[in-house]
Amino acid sequence: METNSSPTPLPFMLLFRNSGPETHAHLSPEQRQQLVTRWNAWYDGLAAQGKAVEGQPLELETRVISGAGGERVTDGPFPESKEAIGGYVKLMVSSLEEATAIAQRHPGLAYGLKIEVREMTSHCHLGVKPRKSSGALSAV
């Protein structure tokens, strides 16, 4: 029986911060297009290797729900939008080091993008179980 020495891929999230329009306002249309082209090439290369499995930008508008029973609802964007999550990429890689190296190659870093690297876990300290997307929306 042959054993595979490569480790089982682990899920990581790259969370993009400081990615709003104000971060890129100083760029010319050509520079913005070059950044978009490099950003897409970065993602497409990872997807072709099977390392990036999902990615999505997020709208600037946001709503924060808090308090017992969710009685506090606050609409944004907020002044601290540089810290807001503007998008994400889900990776399947061998380690935190590999996920970090992938994040370090992102072309948006040169323009102020900040990337938070977080391993996804199957065990919540509260006991909440992870759910896999079925790809279909269901009525509640």
C-alpha atoms as a PDB file:
ATOM      1  CA  MET A   1       0.000   0.000   0.000  1.00  0.00           C
ATOM      2  CA  GLU A   2       1.427   3.348  -1.068  1.00  0.00           C
ATOM      3  CA  THR A   3       1.188   6.209   1.406  1.00  0.00           C
ATOM      4  CA  ASN A   4       0.866   9.796   0.361  1.00  0.00           C
ATOM      5  CA  SER A   5       3.401  11.933   2.202  1.00  0.00           C
ATOM      6  CA  SER A   6       1.698  15.235   1.434  1.00  0.00           C
ATOM      7  CA  PRO A   7      -0.383  16.527   4.343  1.00  0.00           C
ATOM      8  CA  THR A   8      -4.146  16.785   4.132  1.00  0.00           C
ATOM      9  CA  PRO A   9      -5.007  20.323   3.010  1.00  0.00           C
ATOM     10  CA  LEU A  10      -6.377  22.603   5.724  1.00  0.00           C
ATOM     11  CA  PRO A  11      -8.945  25.359   5.159  1.00  0.00           C
ATOM     12  CA  PHE A  12      -7.781  28.953   5.673  1.00  0.00           C
ATOM     13  CA  MET A  13      -9.531  32.260   5.088  1.00  0.00           C
ATOM     14  CA  LEU A  14      -7.753  35.314   3.755  1.00  0.00           C
ATOM     15  CA  LEU A  15      -9.789  38.312   4.926  1.00  0.00           C
ATOM     16  CA  PHE A  16      -9.121  41.514   2.991  1.00  0.00           C
ATOM     17  CA  ARG A  17      -9.167  44.837   4.842  1.00  0.00           C
ATOM     18  CA  ASN A  18      -8.514  48.382   3.634  1.00  0.00           C
ATOM     19  CA  SER A  19      -9.729  47.465   0.164  1.00  0.00           C
ATOM     20  CA  GLY A  20     -12.371  50.155  -0.391  1.00  0.00           C
ATOM     21  CA  PRO A  21     -12.476  52.709  -3.198  1.00  0.00           C
ATOM     22  CA  GLU A  22     -10.679  55.367  -1.111  1.00  0.00           C
ATOM     23  CA  THR A  23      -7.593  53.145  -1.016  1.00  0.00           C
ATOM     24  CA  HIS A  24      -7.340  53.203  -4.810  1.00  0.00           C
ATOM     25  CA  ALA A  25      -8.655  56.717  -5.538  1.00  0.00           C
ATOM     26  CA  HIS A  26      -5.150  58.036  -6.268  1.00  0.00           C
ATOM     27  CA  LEU A  27      -4.576  55.469  -9.031  1.00  0.00           C
ATOM     28  CA  SER A  28      -5.196  56.292 -12.669  1.00  0.00           C
ATOM     29  CA  PRO A  29      -7.757  54.167 -14.531  1.00  0.00           C
ATOM     30  CA  GLU A  30      -4.870  52.335 -16.218  1.00  0.00           C
ATOM     31  CA  GLN A  31      -3.175  51.639 -12.888  1.00  0.00           C
ATOM     32  CA  ARG A  32      -6.459  50.369 -11.432  1.00  0.00           C
ATOM     33  CA  GLN A  33      -6.908  48.056 -14.415  1.00  0.00           C
ATOM     34  CA  GLN A  34      -3.346  46.753 -14.031  1.00  0.00           C
ATOM     35  CA  LEU A  35      -4.023  46.047 -10.346  1.00  0.00           C
ATOM     36  CA  VAL A  36      -7.267  44.227 -11.188  1.00  0.00           C
ATOM     37  CA  THR A  37      -5.466  42.179 -13.841  1.00  0.00           C
ATOM     38  CA  ARG A  38      -2.685  41.204 -11.393  1.00  0.00           C
ATOM     39  CA  TRP A  39      -5.230  40.497  -8.618  1.00  0.00           C
ATOM     40  CA  ASN A  40      -7.239  38.204 -10.920  1.00  0.00           C
ATOM     41  CA  ALA A  41      -4.060  36.459 -12.119  1.00  0.00           C
ATOM     42  CA  TRP A  42      -3.031  35.900  -8.479  1.00  0.00           C
ATOM     43  CA  TYR A  43      -6.390  34.258  -7.714  1.00  0.00           C
ATOM     44  CA  ASP A  44      -6.661  32.330 -10.993  1.00  0.00           C
ATOM     45  CA  GLY A  45      -3.187  30.843 -10.485  1.00  0.00           C
ATOM     46  CA  LEU A  46      -4.163  29.630  -7.010  1.00  0.00           C
ATOM     47  CA  ALA A  47      -7.478  28.252  -8.295  1.00  0.00           C
ATOM     48  CA  ALA A  48      -5.675  26.365 -11.081  1.00  0.00           C
ATOM     49  CA  GLN A  49      -3.478  24.729  -8.411  1.00  0.00           C
ATOM     50  CA  GLY A  50      -6.569  23.800  -6.358  1.00  0.00           C
ATOM     51  CA  LYS A  51      -5.475  26.072  -3.511  1.00  0.00           C
ATOM     52  CA  ALA A  52      -8.088  28.839  -3.840  1.00  0.00           C
ATOM     53  CA  VAL A  53     -11.529  27.276  -3.711  1.00  0.00           C
ATOM     54  CA  GLU A  54     -13.713  30.351  -3.278  1.00  0.00           C
ATOM     55  CA  GLY A  55     -13.410  34.125  -3.227  1.00  0.00           C
ATOM     56  CA  GLN A  56     -15.792  37.042  -3.128  1.00  0.00           C
ATOM     57  CA  PRO A  57     -15.705  40.801  -2.686  1.00  0.00           C
ATOM     58  CA  LEU A  58     -18.192  42.214  -0.176  1.00  0.00           C
ATOM     59  CA  GLU A  59     -20.406  45.278  -0.482  1.00  0.00           C
ATOM     60  CA  LEU A  60     -19.378  48.423   1.407  1.00  0.00           C
ATOM     61  CA  GLU A  61     -22.783  48.729   3.042  1.00  0.00           C
ATOM     62  CA  THR A  62     -23.010  46.780   6.252  1.00  0.00           C
ATOM     63  CA  ARG A  63     -25.342  46.118   9.125  1.00  0.00           C
ATOM     64  CA  VAL A  64     -24.196  45.199  12.620  1.00  0.00           C
ATOM     65  CA  ILE A  65     -26.601  43.366  14.906  1.00  0.00           C
ATOM     66  CA  SER A  66     -25.853  43.184  18.627  1.00  0.00           C
ATOM     67  CA  GLY A  67     -27.460  42.917  22.033  1.00  0.00           C
ATOM     68  CA  ALA A  68     -29.605  40.217  23.535  1.00  0.00           C
ATOM     69  CA  GLY A  69     -32.259  39.290  21.019  1.00  0.00           C
ATOM     70  CA  GLY A  70     -30.527  41.427  18.377  1.00  0.00           C
ATOM     71  CA  GLU A  71     -32.291  44.603  19.487  1.00  0.00           C
ATOM     72  CA  ARG A  72     -29.454  46.877  18.362  1.00  0.00           C
ATOM     73  CA  VAL A  73     -29.124  47.284  14.594  1.00  0.00           C
ATOM     74  CA  THR A  74     -26.589  49.752  13.181  1.00  0.00           C
ATOM     75  CA  ASP A  75     -26.185  50.442   9.473  1.00  0.00           C
ATOM     76  CA  GLY A  76     -22.852  51.390   7.889  1.00  0.00           C
ATOM     77  CA  PRO A  77     -20.381  51.910   6.212  1.00  0.00           C
ATOM     78  CA  PHE A  78     -18.590  53.169   9.293  1.00  0.00           C
ATOM     79  CA  PRO A  79     -15.725  55.651   9.710  1.00  0.00           C
ATOM     80  CA  GLU A  80     -13.383  52.808  10.625  1.00  0.00           C
ATOM     81  CA  SER A  81     -14.024  51.208   7.222  1.00  0.00           C
ATOM     82  CA  LYS A  82     -10.291  50.572   6.752  1.00  0.00           C
ATOM     83  CA  GLU A  83     -10.752  47.768   9.277  1.00  0.00           C
ATOM     84  CA  ALA A  84     -13.921  46.419   7.629  1.00  0.00           C
ATOM     85  CA  ILE A  85     -13.657  43.147   5.748  1.00  0.00           C
ATOM     86  CA  GLY A  86     -13.949  43.942   2.035  1.00  0.00           C
ATOM     87  CA  GLY A  87     -13.698  40.408   0.709  1.00  0.00           C
ATOM     88  CA  TYR A  88     -12.231  36.990   1.267  1.00  0.00           C
ATOM     89  CA  VAL A  89     -10.554  34.006  -0.343  1.00  0.00           C
ATOM     90  CA  LYS A  90     -10.874  30.485   1.032  1.00  0.00           C
ATOM     91  CA  LEU A  91      -7.712  28.437   0.626  1.00  0.00           C
ATOM     92  CA  MET A  92      -6.989  24.727   0.998  1.00  0.00           C
ATOM     93  CA  VAL A  93      -3.275  24.516   1.835  1.00  0.00           C
ATOM     94  CA  SER A  94      -0.840  22.530   3.945  1.00  0.00           C
ATOM     95  CA  SER A  95      -0.102  25.060   6.703  1.00  0.00           C
ATOM     96  CA  LEU A  96      -0.349  28.552   8.130  1.00  0.00           C
ATOM     97  CA  GLU A  97       3.063  29.211   6.598  1.00  0.00           C
ATOM     98  CA  GLU A  98       1.814  28.335   3.117  1.00  0.00           C
ATOM     99  CA  ALA A  99      -1.298  30.492   3.558  1.00  0.00           C
ATOM    100  CA  THR A 100       0.913  33.366   4.764  1.00  0.00           C
ATOM    101  CA  ALA A 101       3.263  33.015   1.783  1.00  0.00           C
ATOM    102  CA  ILE A 102       0.268  33.123  -0.583  1.00  0.00           C
ATOM    103  CA  ALA A 103      -1.052  36.263   1.141  1.00  0.00           C
ATOM    104  CA  GLN A 104       2.401  37.884   0.934  1.00  0.00           C
ATOM    105  CA  ARG A 105       2.303  37.582  -2.881  1.00  0.00           C
ATOM    106  CA  HIS A 106      -0.975  39.514  -3.207  1.00  0.00           C
ATOM    107  CA  PRO A 107      -0.517  42.528  -5.524  1.00  0.00           C
ATOM    108  CA  GLY A 108      -2.900  44.692  -3.462  1.00  0.00           C
ATOM    109  CA  LEU A 109      -0.479  44.848  -0.531  1.00  0.00           C
ATOM    110  CA  ALA A 110       1.534  47.516  -2.369  1.00  0.00           C
ATOM    111  CA  TYR A 111      -1.573  49.745  -2.289  1.00  0.00           C
ATOM    112  CA  GLY A 112      -2.454  49.430   1.407  1.00  0.00           C
ATOM    113  CA  LEU A 113      -4.428  46.171   1.396  1.00  0.00           C
ATOM    114  CA  LYS A 114      -4.219  44.289   4.682  1.00  0.00           C
ATOM    115  CA  ILE A 115      -4.783  40.533   4.732  1.00  0.00           C
ATOM    116  CA  GLU A 116      -5.768  38.603   7.827  1.00  0.00           C
ATOM    117  CA  VAL A 117      -4.931  34.892   7.606  1.00  0.00           C
ATOM    118  CA  ARG A 118      -7.146  32.613   9.714  1.00  0.00           C
ATOM    119  CA  GLU A 119      -7.373  28.838   9.851  1.00  0.00           C
ATOM    120  CA  MET A 120     -10.922  27.556   9.740  1.00  0.00           C
ATOM    121  CA  THR A 121     -11.678  25.073  12.482  1.00  0.00           C
ATOM    122  CA  SER A 122     -14.079  22.186  12.821  1.00  0.00           C
ATOM    123  CA  HIS A 123     -14.317  22.585  16.581  1.00  0.00           C
ATOM    124  CA  CYS A 124     -15.897  25.659  18.107  1.00  0.00           C
ATOM    125  CA  HIS A 125     -15.269  26.445  21.772  1.00  0.00           C
ATOM    126  CA  LEU A 126     -19.069  26.683  22.139  1.00  0.00           C
ATOM    127  CA  GLY A 127     -19.685  23.391  20.358  1.00  0.00           C
ATOM    128  CA  VAL A 128     -21.218  24.920  17.212  1.00  0.00           C
ATOM    129  CA  LYS A 129     -20.791  22.493  14.312  1.00  0.00           C
ATOM    130  CA  PRO A 130     -19.449  23.703  10.956  1.00  0.00           C
ATOM    131  CA  ARG A 131     -21.786  23.437   7.989  1.00  0.00           C
ATOM    132  CA  LYS A 132     -20.838  22.831   4.381  1.00  0.00           C
ATOM    133  CA  SER A 133     -22.541  24.852   1.686  1.00  0.00           C
ATOM    134  CA  SER A 134     -24.975  22.804  -0.329  1.00  0.00           C
ATOM    135  CA  GLY A 135     -24.839  25.314  -3.164  1.00  0.00           C
ATOM    136  CA  ALA A 136     -28.585  25.851  -2.942  1.00  0.00           C
ATOM    137  CA  LEU A 137     -30.542  28.277  -0.834  1.00  0.00           C
ATOM    138  CA  SER A 138     -33.300  26.870   1.290  1.00  0.00           C
ATOM    139  CA  ALA A 139     -36.343  28.605   2.683  1.00  0.00           C
ATOM    140  CA  VAL A 140     -36.420  29.104   6.435  1.00  0.00           C
END
